[in-house]
């Protein structure tokens, strides 16, 4: 299965969902219809704000407010928990997107959700209250979450891999928009190592047809 989800109470004002991504998966840039609190269990997520991709690795969390124009890229072998809060909820949720720090209470519930198919409504209500206390930021990112442009000072191997992921992601989008497959392949294959065809397939889950 390329992408597995385990939703809970998805039609209520507050919901949780456990998601698994075996291969690279990305969303189109669009406005978020709900507030989202995403906790990365393993793997990583790229949050695109404006022209910058921010990387969130394992054991980090990010907040995306409703009506925020973003695109998400889920890296291969990623597991995460996503909490969603409807705009119908009359509460002062954080209005900026970015890295957030989970409280001990919130992290305990997140860990419980990873191990459980569902939680009772009391946990969802607590997470809603916890969400109101979050302070998202994209400034001063530490090693856990940084823009790809500044990751080089942290781990050059990680930067190289992330750049492969973004190159493939962008090539896929260009191909879907009607651009030449051969042209896109020629533009990125030198960045995909000694066996670019195998690298592409291991990241995307299917071969590229050129």
N, C-alpha and C. Protein backbone atom coordinates (compact mmCIF):
# COMPACT_ATOMS: atom_id res chain seq x y z
N UNK A 1 0.85 -1.19 0.00
CA UNK A 1 0.00 0.00 0.00
C UNK A 1 0.89 1.24 0.00
N UNK A 2 0.68 2.15 -0.94
CA UNK A 2 1.51 3.33 -1.04
C UNK A 2 1.22 4.31 0.07
N UNK A 3 -0.05 4.45 0.43
CA UNK A 3 -0.45 5.44 1.43
C UNK A 3 -1.61 4.88 2.23
N UNK A 4 -1.39 4.71 3.51
CA UNK A 4 -2.43 4.15 4.38
C UNK A 4 -2.86 5.20 5.39
N UNK A 5 -4.15 5.23 5.66
CA UNK A 5 -4.67 6.14 6.68
C UNK A 5 -5.55 5.37 7.63
N UNK A 6 -5.57 5.83 8.87
CA UNK A 6 -6.44 5.26 9.88
C UNK A 6 -7.19 6.40 10.54
N UNK A 7 -8.32 6.83 9.94
CA UNK A 7 -9.03 8.00 10.46
C UNK A 7 -9.88 7.68 11.68
N UNK A 8 -10.12 8.71 12.46
CA UNK A 8 -11.04 8.57 13.59
C UNK A 8 -11.95 9.78 13.63
N UNK A 9 -13.25 9.54 13.69
CA UNK A 9 -14.23 10.62 13.81
C UNK A 9 -14.00 11.71 12.75
N UNK A 10 -13.83 11.30 11.51
CA UNK A 10 -13.44 12.25 10.49
C UNK A 10 -14.54 13.26 10.16
N UNK A 11 -15.76 13.04 10.61
CA UNK A 11 -16.83 13.98 10.30
C UNK A 11 -17.16 14.89 11.49
N UNK A 12 -16.41 14.76 12.58
CA UNK A 12 -16.62 15.62 13.73
C UNK A 12 -15.76 16.87 13.61
N UNK A 13 -15.97 17.83 14.53
CA UNK A 13 -15.23 19.08 14.47
C UNK A 13 -13.75 18.87 14.73
N UNK A 14 -13.42 17.86 15.54
CA UNK A 14 -12.03 17.50 15.82
C UNK A 14 -11.82 16.04 15.45
N UNK A 15 -10.75 15.74 14.74
CA UNK A 15 -10.51 14.36 14.32
C UNK A 15 -9.02 14.07 14.34
N UNK A 16 -8.68 12.78 14.36
CA UNK A 16 -7.28 12.36 14.29
C UNK A 16 -7.13 11.31 13.22
N UNK A 17 -5.94 11.25 12.64
CA UNK A 17 -5.69 10.31 11.55
C UNK A 17 -4.23 9.86 11.59
N UNK A 18 -4.02 8.57 11.57
CA UNK A 18 -2.68 8.00 11.48
C UNK A 18 -2.39 7.71 10.02
N UNK A 19 -1.30 8.26 9.49
CA UNK A 19 -0.99 8.12 8.07
C UNK A 19 0.39 7.51 7.87
N UNK A 20 0.48 6.64 6.87
CA UNK A 20 1.74 6.01 6.49
C UNK A 20 1.98 6.23 5.00
N UNK A 21 3.19 6.66 4.66
CA UNK A 21 3.56 6.90 3.27
C UNK A 21 4.78 6.05 2.94
N UNK A 22 4.60 5.05 2.08
CA UNK A 22 5.71 4.18 1.71
C UNK A 22 6.64 4.88 0.72
N UNK A 23 6.04 5.69 -0.18
CA UNK A 23 6.83 6.38 -1.19
C UNK A 23 6.55 7.88 -1.15
N UNK A 24 7.33 8.62 -1.92
CA UNK A 24 7.18 10.07 -1.98
C UNK A 24 5.77 10.44 -2.42
N UNK A 25 5.18 11.37 -1.71
CA UNK A 25 3.81 11.80 -2.01
C UNK A 25 3.71 13.30 -1.74
N UNK A 26 3.09 14.03 -2.64
CA UNK A 26 3.00 15.48 -2.45
C UNK A 26 1.61 15.98 -2.78
N UNK A 27 1.25 17.09 -2.17
CA UNK A 27 -0.05 17.70 -2.41
C UNK A 27 0.14 18.97 -3.24
N UNK A 28 -0.90 19.37 -3.92
CA UNK A 28 -0.86 20.63 -4.66
C UNK A 28 -0.91 21.79 -3.68
N UNK A 29 -0.39 22.91 -4.10
CA UNK A 29 -0.45 24.10 -3.26
C UNK A 29 -1.90 24.58 -3.21
N UNK A 30 -2.44 24.66 -2.01
CA UNK A 30 -3.82 25.07 -1.85
C UNK A 30 -4.05 25.56 -0.43
N UNK A 31 -5.18 26.22 -0.23
CA UNK A 31 -5.53 26.69 1.10
C UNK A 31 -6.07 25.55 1.94
N UNK A 32 -5.60 25.48 3.16
CA UNK A 32 -6.08 24.44 4.08
C UNK A 32 -7.51 24.75 4.50
N UNK A 33 -8.37 23.75 4.44
CA UNK A 33 -9.77 23.95 4.81
C UNK A 33 -9.99 23.84 6.31
N UNK A 34 -9.03 23.24 7.01
CA UNK A 34 -9.11 23.07 8.46
C UNK A 34 -7.77 23.48 9.09
N UNK A 35 -7.77 23.56 10.41
CA UNK A 35 -6.51 23.70 11.14
C UNK A 35 -5.93 22.30 11.28
N UNK A 36 -4.60 22.16 11.06
CA UNK A 36 -3.98 20.84 11.16
C UNK A 36 -2.76 20.90 12.08
N UNK A 37 -2.66 19.91 12.93
CA UNK A 37 -1.51 19.72 13.82
C UNK A 37 -0.92 18.38 13.45
N UNK A 38 0.25 18.40 12.84
CA UNK A 38 0.87 17.18 12.31
C UNK A 38 2.10 16.82 13.14
N UNK A 39 2.14 15.59 13.64
CA UNK A 39 3.28 15.10 14.40
C UNK A 39 3.96 13.99 13.61
N UNK A 40 5.23 14.19 13.27
CA UNK A 40 5.98 13.23 12.48
C UNK A 40 6.57 12.17 13.41
N UNK A 41 6.17 10.93 13.20
CA UNK A 41 6.66 9.83 14.03
C UNK A 41 7.97 9.29 13.49
N UNK A 42 8.03 9.09 12.18
CA UNK A 42 9.28 8.70 11.52
C UNK A 42 9.25 9.24 10.09
N UNK A 43 10.42 9.29 9.45
CA UNK A 43 10.50 9.86 8.12
C UNK A 43 10.57 11.37 8.18
N UNK A 44 9.83 12.04 7.30
CA UNK A 44 9.88 13.49 7.29
C UNK A 44 8.83 14.09 6.39
N UNK A 45 8.57 15.38 6.61
CA UNK A 45 7.58 16.14 5.84
C UNK A 45 8.21 17.46 5.42
N UNK A 46 7.93 17.89 4.21
CA UNK A 46 8.34 19.21 3.75
C UNK A 46 7.11 20.10 3.69
N UNK A 47 7.17 21.22 4.36
CA UNK A 47 6.11 22.21 4.34
C UNK A 47 6.56 23.36 3.45
N UNK A 48 5.83 23.60 2.39
CA UNK A 48 6.21 24.69 1.47
C UNK A 48 5.37 25.93 1.77
N UNK A 49 6.06 26.97 2.20
CA UNK A 49 5.45 28.27 2.45
C UNK A 49 6.11 29.27 1.51
N UNK A 50 5.33 29.90 0.66
CA UNK A 50 5.93 30.79 -0.33
C UNK A 50 6.82 29.99 -1.26
N UNK A 51 8.10 30.34 -1.33
CA UNK A 51 9.04 29.63 -2.19
C UNK A 51 10.02 28.79 -1.39
N UNK A 52 9.74 28.60 -0.11
CA UNK A 52 10.67 27.87 0.76
C UNK A 52 10.08 26.57 1.26
N UNK A 53 10.87 25.49 1.18
CA UNK A 53 10.50 24.21 1.76
C UNK A 53 11.13 24.09 3.14
N UNK A 54 10.31 23.83 4.14
CA UNK A 54 10.80 23.61 5.50
C UNK A 54 10.70 22.13 5.82
N UNK A 55 11.80 21.59 6.33
CA UNK A 55 11.87 20.17 6.62
C UNK A 55 11.56 19.88 8.08
N UNK A 56 10.66 18.91 8.29
CA UNK A 56 10.29 18.46 9.63
C UNK A 56 10.60 16.96 9.72
N UNK A 57 11.57 16.62 10.54
CA UNK A 57 11.97 15.23 10.67
C UNK A 57 11.21 14.51 11.76
N UNK A 58 11.63 13.29 12.05
CA UNK A 58 10.98 12.47 13.08
C UNK A 58 11.01 13.18 14.42
N UNK A 59 9.92 13.01 15.16
CA UNK A 59 9.76 13.58 16.50
C UNK A 59 9.65 15.11 16.50
N UNK A 60 9.17 15.66 15.39
CA UNK A 60 8.85 17.09 15.35
C UNK A 60 7.39 17.25 14.96
N UNK A 61 6.84 18.42 15.22
CA UNK A 61 5.44 18.69 14.91
C UNK A 61 5.30 20.04 14.23
N UNK A 62 4.29 20.17 13.39
CA UNK A 62 4.03 21.42 12.71
C UNK A 62 2.55 21.76 12.78
N UNK A 63 2.27 23.04 12.68
CA UNK A 63 0.91 23.54 12.72
C UNK A 63 0.61 24.25 11.40
N UNK A 64 -0.58 23.96 10.84
CA UNK A 64 -1.04 24.64 9.63
C UNK A 64 -2.42 25.20 9.93
N UNK A 65 -2.57 26.52 9.97
CA UNK A 65 -3.88 27.09 10.25
C UNK A 65 -4.81 27.00 9.05
N UNK A 66 -6.09 27.09 9.29
CA UNK A 66 -7.07 27.10 8.21
C UNK A 66 -6.81 28.30 7.30
N UNK A 67 -7.07 28.11 6.01
CA UNK A 67 -6.93 29.15 4.99
C UNK A 67 -5.48 29.53 4.70
N UNK A 68 -4.54 28.72 5.17
CA UNK A 68 -3.12 28.96 4.89
C UNK A 68 -2.76 28.30 3.56
N UNK A 69 -2.11 29.04 2.68
CA UNK A 69 -1.74 28.52 1.37
C UNK A 69 -0.43 27.74 1.49
N UNK A 70 -0.51 26.42 1.42
CA UNK A 70 0.66 25.57 1.62
C UNK A 70 0.63 24.37 0.67
N UNK A 71 1.77 23.73 0.56
CA UNK A 71 1.88 22.42 -0.10
C UNK A 71 2.69 21.53 0.81
N UNK A 72 2.33 20.26 0.88
CA UNK A 72 3.03 19.30 1.73
C UNK A 72 3.65 18.20 0.87
N UNK A 73 4.86 17.82 1.23
CA UNK A 73 5.52 16.69 0.60
C UNK A 73 5.86 15.68 1.69
N UNK A 74 5.36 14.47 1.52
CA UNK A 74 5.60 13.40 2.49
C UNK A 74 6.72 12.52 1.95
N UNK A 75 7.81 12.41 2.69
CA UNK A 75 8.97 11.66 2.24
C UNK A 75 8.73 10.16 2.36
N UNK A 76 9.49 9.34 1.63
CA UNK A 76 9.30 7.88 1.70
C UNK A 76 9.46 7.35 3.13
N UNK A 77 8.66 6.34 3.44
CA UNK A 77 8.69 5.67 4.75
C UNK A 77 8.40 6.64 5.90
N UNK A 78 7.38 7.44 5.70
CA UNK A 78 6.97 8.40 6.72
C UNK A 78 5.70 7.95 7.42
N UNK A 79 5.70 8.09 8.73
CA UNK A 79 4.50 7.85 9.54
C UNK A 79 4.23 9.10 10.33
N UNK A 80 2.95 9.49 10.41
CA UNK A 80 2.60 10.70 11.14
C UNK A 80 1.19 10.59 11.71
N UNK A 81 0.92 11.45 12.68
CA UNK A 81 -0.42 11.60 13.21
C UNK A 81 -0.89 13.01 12.88
N UNK A 82 -2.06 13.12 12.28
CA UNK A 82 -2.62 14.43 11.95
C UNK A 82 -3.90 14.67 12.72
N UNK A 83 -3.93 15.78 13.45
CA UNK A 83 -5.12 16.21 14.16
C UNK A 83 -5.72 17.36 13.38
N UNK A 84 -7.01 17.30 13.12
CA UNK A 84 -7.68 18.33 12.32
C UNK A 84 -8.80 18.96 13.13
N UNK A 85 -8.90 20.29 12.99
CA UNK A 85 -9.89 21.05 13.75
C UNK A 85 -10.69 21.92 12.79
N UNK A 86 -11.99 21.78 12.84
CA UNK A 86 -12.87 22.50 11.93
C UNK A 86 -12.88 23.99 12.21
N UNK A 87 -13.08 24.76 11.14
CA UNK A 87 -13.24 26.21 11.29
C UNK A 87 -14.54 26.55 12.02
N UNK A 88 -15.43 25.57 12.15
CA UNK A 88 -16.68 25.81 12.86
C UNK A 88 -16.47 25.98 14.36
N UNK A 89 -15.31 25.50 14.84
CA UNK A 89 -15.03 25.62 16.27
C UNK A 89 -14.74 27.07 16.60
N UNK A 90 -15.49 27.61 17.54
CA UNK A 90 -15.30 29.00 17.95
C UNK A 90 -14.19 29.08 18.99
N UNK A 91 -12.95 29.18 18.51
CA UNK A 91 -11.79 29.22 19.40
C UNK A 91 -10.66 29.96 18.69
N UNK A 92 -9.74 30.49 19.46
CA UNK A 92 -8.65 31.28 18.92
C UNK A 92 -7.43 30.39 18.64
N UNK A 93 -7.49 29.65 17.52
CA UNK A 93 -6.39 28.79 17.14
C UNK A 93 -5.22 29.64 16.61
N UNK A 94 -3.98 29.13 16.69
CA UNK A 94 -2.84 29.87 16.14
C UNK A 94 -3.05 30.21 14.67
N UNK A 95 -2.61 31.39 14.28
CA UNK A 95 -2.88 31.89 12.92
C UNK A 95 -1.68 31.76 11.98
N UNK A 96 -0.54 31.32 12.51
CA UNK A 96 0.65 31.16 11.68
C UNK A 96 1.02 29.69 11.55
N UNK A 97 1.67 29.36 10.45
CA UNK A 97 2.15 27.99 10.24
C UNK A 97 3.59 27.88 10.74
N UNK A 98 3.98 26.66 11.15
CA UNK A 98 5.37 26.47 11.52
C UNK A 98 5.58 25.37 12.53
N UNK A 99 6.81 25.32 13.03
CA UNK A 99 7.23 24.34 14.02
C UNK A 99 6.57 24.62 15.36
N UNK A 100 6.10 23.56 16.02
CA UNK A 100 5.52 23.71 17.36
C UNK A 100 6.14 22.70 18.31
N UNK A 101 6.12 23.04 19.58
CA UNK A 101 6.61 22.14 20.62
C UNK A 101 5.42 21.51 21.34
N UNK A 102 5.41 20.20 21.39
CA UNK A 102 4.32 19.50 22.06
C UNK A 102 4.54 19.50 23.57
N UNK A 103 3.47 19.73 24.32
CA UNK A 103 3.55 19.61 25.77
C UNK A 103 3.67 18.14 26.13
N UNK A 104 3.99 17.86 27.37
CA UNK A 104 4.07 16.48 27.84
C UNK A 104 2.72 15.79 27.69
N UNK A 105 1.65 16.51 27.98
CA UNK A 105 0.30 15.93 27.86
C UNK A 105 -0.02 15.60 26.40
N UNK A 106 0.25 16.57 25.51
CA UNK A 106 -0.03 16.36 24.09
C UNK A 106 0.79 15.21 23.53
N UNK A 107 2.07 15.15 23.89
CA UNK A 107 2.93 14.08 23.37
C UNK A 107 2.46 12.72 23.86
N UNK A 108 1.97 12.66 25.08
CA UNK A 108 1.45 11.41 25.60
C UNK A 108 0.25 10.92 24.80
N UNK A 109 -0.62 11.85 24.43
CA UNK A 109 -1.81 11.48 23.64
C UNK A 109 -1.40 11.09 22.22
N UNK A 110 -0.42 11.80 21.66
CA UNK A 110 0.07 11.46 20.32
C UNK A 110 0.65 10.04 20.32
N UNK A 111 1.46 9.73 21.32
CA UNK A 111 2.04 8.39 21.41
C UNK A 111 0.95 7.33 21.55
N UNK A 112 -0.09 7.64 22.29
CA UNK A 112 -1.21 6.71 22.47
C UNK A 112 -1.95 6.50 21.16
N UNK A 113 -2.09 7.58 20.38
CA UNK A 113 -2.80 7.47 19.09
C UNK A 113 -2.02 6.61 18.10
N UNK A 114 -0.69 6.67 18.16
CA UNK A 114 0.14 5.86 17.27
C UNK A 114 -0.10 4.37 17.52
N UNK A 115 -0.37 4.02 18.77
CA UNK A 115 -0.55 2.62 19.15
C UNK A 115 -2.00 2.16 19.12
N UNK A 116 -2.94 3.09 18.94
CA UNK A 116 -4.36 2.76 19.02
C UNK A 116 -5.07 3.07 17.70
N UNK A 117 -6.10 2.28 17.39
CA UNK A 117 -6.89 2.55 16.19
C UNK A 117 -7.78 3.76 16.38
N UNK A 118 -8.14 4.06 17.62
CA UNK A 118 -8.96 5.24 17.90
C UNK A 118 -8.83 5.62 19.37
N UNK A 119 -9.21 6.86 19.66
CA UNK A 119 -9.23 7.37 21.03
C UNK A 119 -10.63 7.88 21.33
N UNK A 120 -10.99 7.92 22.60
CA UNK A 120 -12.32 8.44 22.91
C UNK A 120 -12.33 9.96 22.79
N UNK A 121 -13.52 10.52 22.81
CA UNK A 121 -13.68 11.96 22.56
C UNK A 121 -12.97 12.83 23.59
N UNK A 122 -12.76 12.31 24.78
CA UNK A 122 -12.09 13.10 25.82
C UNK A 122 -10.68 13.48 25.38
N UNK A 123 -9.98 12.55 24.71
CA UNK A 123 -8.63 12.84 24.23
C UNK A 123 -8.66 13.90 23.13
N UNK A 124 -9.64 13.80 22.24
CA UNK A 124 -9.77 14.79 21.18
C UNK A 124 -10.01 16.18 21.76
N UNK A 125 -10.83 16.24 22.80
CA UNK A 125 -11.11 17.53 23.45
C UNK A 125 -9.86 18.11 24.10
N UNK A 126 -9.04 17.24 24.69
CA UNK A 126 -7.80 17.71 25.31
C UNK A 126 -6.85 18.24 24.24
N UNK A 127 -6.75 17.55 23.12
CA UNK A 127 -5.86 18.00 22.05
C UNK A 127 -6.33 19.34 21.48
N UNK A 128 -7.63 19.55 21.45
CA UNK A 128 -8.14 20.85 21.00
C UNK A 128 -7.69 21.96 21.95
N UNK A 129 -7.77 21.71 23.23
CA UNK A 129 -7.32 22.70 24.21
C UNK A 129 -5.81 22.91 24.12
N UNK A 130 -5.08 21.82 23.90
CA UNK A 130 -3.63 21.93 23.76
C UNK A 130 -3.25 22.74 22.52
N UNK A 131 -4.03 22.58 21.46
CA UNK A 131 -3.74 23.30 20.20
C UNK A 131 -3.82 24.81 20.39
N UNK A 132 -4.68 25.25 21.27
CA UNK A 132 -4.86 26.69 21.50
C UNK A 132 -3.62 27.30 22.14
N UNK A 133 -2.76 26.46 22.73
CA UNK A 133 -1.57 26.95 23.43
C UNK A 133 -0.32 26.92 22.55
N UNK A 134 -0.43 26.44 21.34
CA UNK A 134 0.74 26.30 20.46
C UNK A 134 1.23 27.66 19.97
N UNK A 135 2.54 27.74 19.73
CA UNK A 135 3.15 28.98 19.21
C UNK A 135 4.02 28.63 18.00
N UNK A 136 3.42 28.48 16.83
CA UNK A 136 4.17 28.06 15.63
C UNK A 136 5.20 29.12 15.21
N UNK A 137 6.32 28.64 14.67
CA UNK A 137 7.34 29.56 14.17
C UNK A 137 8.13 28.90 13.05
N UNK A 138 8.60 29.70 12.11
CA UNK A 138 9.55 29.23 11.10
C UNK A 138 10.86 29.99 11.25
N UNK A 139 11.01 30.71 12.33
CA UNK A 139 12.23 31.47 12.59
C UNK A 139 13.13 30.70 13.55
N UNK A 140 14.43 30.80 13.33
CA UNK A 140 15.38 30.19 14.25
C UNK A 140 15.27 28.69 14.34
N UNK A 141 14.99 28.03 13.22
CA UNK A 141 14.88 26.57 13.24
C UNK A 141 16.17 25.94 13.75
N UNK A 142 16.03 24.98 14.63
CA UNK A 142 17.19 24.21 15.09
C UNK A 142 17.42 23.03 14.16
N UNK A 143 18.14 22.03 14.63
CA UNK A 143 18.46 20.89 13.78
C UNK A 143 17.23 20.07 13.41
N UNK A 144 16.21 20.11 14.25
CA UNK A 144 15.04 19.27 14.02
C UNK A 144 14.24 19.70 12.80
N UNK A 145 14.16 20.98 12.58
CA UNK A 145 13.36 21.48 11.45
C UNK A 145 14.01 22.72 10.90
N UNK A 146 14.39 22.67 9.64
CA UNK A 146 15.05 23.80 9.01
C UNK A 146 14.64 23.89 7.55
N UNK A 147 14.84 25.05 6.98
CA UNK A 147 14.64 25.15 5.54
C UNK A 147 15.78 24.40 4.87
N UNK A 148 15.50 23.82 3.71
CA UNK A 148 16.53 23.06 3.01
C UNK A 148 17.75 23.94 2.72
N UNK A 149 17.52 25.22 2.49
CA UNK A 149 18.61 26.13 2.17
C UNK A 149 19.63 26.23 3.30
N UNK A 150 19.20 26.04 4.54
CA UNK A 150 20.11 26.19 5.67
C UNK A 150 20.52 24.87 6.30
N UNK A 151 20.02 23.76 5.76
CA UNK A 151 20.35 22.46 6.34
C UNK A 151 21.80 22.06 6.13
N UNK A 152 22.47 22.67 5.16
CA UNK A 152 23.82 22.26 4.80
C UNK A 152 24.77 22.32 5.99
N UNK A 153 24.52 23.25 6.90
CA UNK A 153 25.38 23.36 8.07
C UNK A 153 25.10 22.26 9.10
N UNK A 154 24.02 21.53 8.89
CA UNK A 154 23.64 20.48 9.83
C UNK A 154 24.09 19.11 9.35
N UNK A 155 23.72 18.76 8.12
CA UNK A 155 24.00 17.41 7.63
C UNK A 155 23.96 17.44 6.11
N UNK A 156 25.13 17.41 5.49
CA UNK A 156 25.19 17.53 4.03
C UNK A 156 24.55 16.33 3.34
N UNK A 157 24.64 15.14 3.95
CA UNK A 157 24.01 13.95 3.37
C UNK A 157 22.50 14.11 3.35
N UNK A 158 21.94 14.65 4.43
CA UNK A 158 20.51 14.88 4.50
C UNK A 158 20.06 15.88 3.44
N UNK A 159 20.84 16.93 3.26
CA UNK A 159 20.51 17.94 2.25
C UNK A 159 20.48 17.32 0.86
N UNK A 160 21.48 16.50 0.55
CA UNK A 160 21.54 15.87 -0.77
C UNK A 160 20.31 15.01 -1.01
N UNK A 161 19.89 14.25 0.00
CA UNK A 161 18.72 13.38 -0.16
C UNK A 161 17.45 14.21 -0.31
N UNK A 162 17.32 15.26 0.48
CA UNK A 162 16.15 16.13 0.38
C UNK A 162 16.08 16.80 -0.98
N UNK A 163 17.22 17.17 -1.51
CA UNK A 163 17.25 17.80 -2.82
C UNK A 163 16.83 16.81 -3.91
N UNK A 164 17.18 15.53 -3.73
CA UNK A 164 16.69 14.50 -4.65
C UNK A 164 15.17 14.41 -4.59
N UNK A 165 14.63 14.41 -3.37
CA UNK A 165 13.18 14.31 -3.21
C UNK A 165 12.47 15.49 -3.87
N UNK A 166 12.98 16.69 -3.64
CA UNK A 166 12.31 17.87 -4.21
C UNK A 166 12.46 17.92 -5.72
N UNK A 167 13.61 17.45 -6.24
CA UNK A 167 13.81 17.42 -7.68
C UNK A 167 12.81 16.47 -8.35
N UNK A 168 12.62 15.29 -7.74
CA UNK A 168 11.67 14.32 -8.28
C UNK A 168 10.25 14.85 -8.15
N UNK A 169 9.94 15.43 -7.01
CA UNK A 169 8.61 16.01 -6.81
C UNK A 169 8.29 17.06 -7.87
N UNK A 170 9.23 17.96 -8.10
CA UNK A 170 9.00 19.03 -9.07
C UNK A 170 8.91 18.49 -10.49
N UNK A 171 9.72 17.46 -10.78
CA UNK A 171 9.65 16.84 -12.11
C UNK A 171 8.29 16.18 -12.33
N UNK A 172 7.78 15.50 -11.30
CA UNK A 172 6.46 14.88 -11.41
C UNK A 172 5.38 15.91 -11.69
N UNK A 173 5.45 17.04 -10.99
CA UNK A 173 4.45 18.09 -11.19
C UNK A 173 4.55 18.66 -12.59
N UNK A 174 5.77 18.85 -13.08
CA UNK A 174 5.95 19.39 -14.42
C UNK A 174 5.43 18.43 -15.48
N UNK A 175 5.67 17.14 -15.28
CA UNK A 175 5.19 16.13 -16.22
C UNK A 175 3.66 16.11 -16.24
N UNK A 176 3.04 16.20 -15.06
CA UNK A 176 1.58 16.21 -14.99
C UNK A 176 0.99 17.45 -15.65
N UNK A 177 1.76 18.54 -15.68
CA UNK A 177 1.27 19.77 -16.31
C UNK A 177 1.50 19.78 -17.81
N UNK A 178 2.09 18.71 -18.35
CA UNK A 178 2.22 18.59 -19.79
C UNK A 178 3.62 18.74 -20.35
N UNK A 179 4.61 18.93 -19.48
CA UNK A 179 5.97 19.09 -19.97
C UNK A 179 6.56 17.74 -20.38
N UNK A 180 7.59 17.79 -21.21
CA UNK A 180 8.20 16.58 -21.75
C UNK A 180 8.83 15.73 -20.65
N UNK A 181 8.48 14.43 -20.64
CA UNK A 181 9.07 13.51 -19.68
C UNK A 181 10.58 13.43 -19.89
N UNK A 182 10.99 13.32 -21.14
CA UNK A 182 12.42 13.21 -21.45
C UNK A 182 13.18 14.45 -20.99
N UNK A 183 12.61 15.61 -21.19
CA UNK A 183 13.26 16.86 -20.79
C UNK A 183 13.41 16.92 -19.27
N UNK A 184 12.38 16.54 -18.55
CA UNK A 184 12.44 16.56 -17.09
C UNK A 184 13.45 15.53 -16.59
N UNK A 185 13.48 14.37 -17.23
CA UNK A 185 14.41 13.33 -16.81
C UNK A 185 15.85 13.76 -17.05
N UNK A 186 16.12 14.36 -18.20
CA UNK A 186 17.47 14.83 -18.51
C UNK A 186 17.93 15.88 -17.51
N UNK A 187 16.97 16.65 -16.97
CA UNK A 187 17.32 17.74 -16.06
C UNK A 187 17.70 17.25 -14.67
N UNK A 188 17.19 16.07 -14.27
CA UNK A 188 17.44 15.64 -12.89
C UNK A 188 18.26 14.37 -12.74
N UNK A 189 18.44 13.59 -13.80
CA UNK A 189 19.03 12.26 -13.62
C UNK A 189 20.46 12.30 -13.10
N UNK A 190 21.21 13.34 -13.40
CA UNK A 190 22.59 13.44 -12.92
C UNK A 190 22.65 13.65 -11.40
N UNK A 191 21.52 14.07 -10.83
CA UNK A 191 21.46 14.30 -9.38
C UNK A 191 20.94 13.09 -8.61
N UNK A 192 20.70 11.98 -9.32
CA UNK A 192 20.09 10.81 -8.69
C UNK A 192 21.07 9.66 -8.48
N UNK A 193 22.37 9.95 -8.45
CA UNK A 193 23.35 8.93 -8.14
C UNK A 193 23.78 8.09 -9.32
N UNK A 194 24.46 6.96 -9.02
CA UNK A 194 25.04 6.11 -10.06
C UNK A 194 23.99 5.37 -10.87
N UNK A 195 22.86 5.08 -10.25
CA UNK A 195 21.78 4.36 -10.95
C UNK A 195 20.50 5.18 -10.81
N UNK A 196 20.35 6.25 -11.62
CA UNK A 196 19.21 7.15 -11.47
C UNK A 196 17.85 6.49 -11.65
N UNK A 197 17.77 5.50 -12.52
CA UNK A 197 16.49 4.81 -12.75
C UNK A 197 16.06 4.08 -11.48
N UNK A 198 17.01 3.38 -10.86
CA UNK A 198 16.71 2.65 -9.63
C UNK A 198 16.38 3.61 -8.50
N UNK A 199 17.10 4.73 -8.43
CA UNK A 199 16.83 5.73 -7.39
C UNK A 199 15.43 6.28 -7.52
N UNK A 200 15.04 6.65 -8.74
CA UNK A 200 13.69 7.16 -8.99
C UNK A 200 12.64 6.15 -8.53
N UNK A 201 12.80 4.90 -8.95
CA UNK A 201 11.81 3.88 -8.62
C UNK A 201 11.72 3.63 -7.12
N UNK A 202 12.87 3.67 -6.42
CA UNK A 202 12.86 3.43 -4.98
C UNK A 202 12.17 4.56 -4.23
N UNK A 203 12.18 5.75 -4.79
CA UNK A 203 11.56 6.91 -4.14
C UNK A 203 10.09 7.05 -4.52
N UNK A 204 9.78 6.80 -5.78
CA UNK A 204 8.42 7.01 -6.29
C UNK A 204 7.56 5.75 -6.19
N UNK A 205 8.22 4.58 -6.29
CA UNK A 205 7.47 3.33 -6.21
C UNK A 205 7.09 2.77 -7.56
N UNK A 206 7.49 3.44 -8.63
CA UNK A 206 7.24 2.94 -9.98
C UNK A 206 8.28 3.51 -10.92
N UNK A 207 8.59 2.81 -12.01
CA UNK A 207 9.63 3.28 -12.92
C UNK A 207 9.18 4.52 -13.71
N UNK A 208 10.15 5.29 -14.15
CA UNK A 208 9.84 6.42 -15.02
C UNK A 208 9.88 5.93 -16.45
N UNK A 209 8.94 6.31 -17.25
CA UNK A 209 8.85 5.87 -18.64
C UNK A 209 9.33 6.98 -19.56
N UNK A 210 10.55 6.80 -20.08
CA UNK A 210 11.13 7.80 -20.98
C UNK A 210 11.43 7.17 -22.31
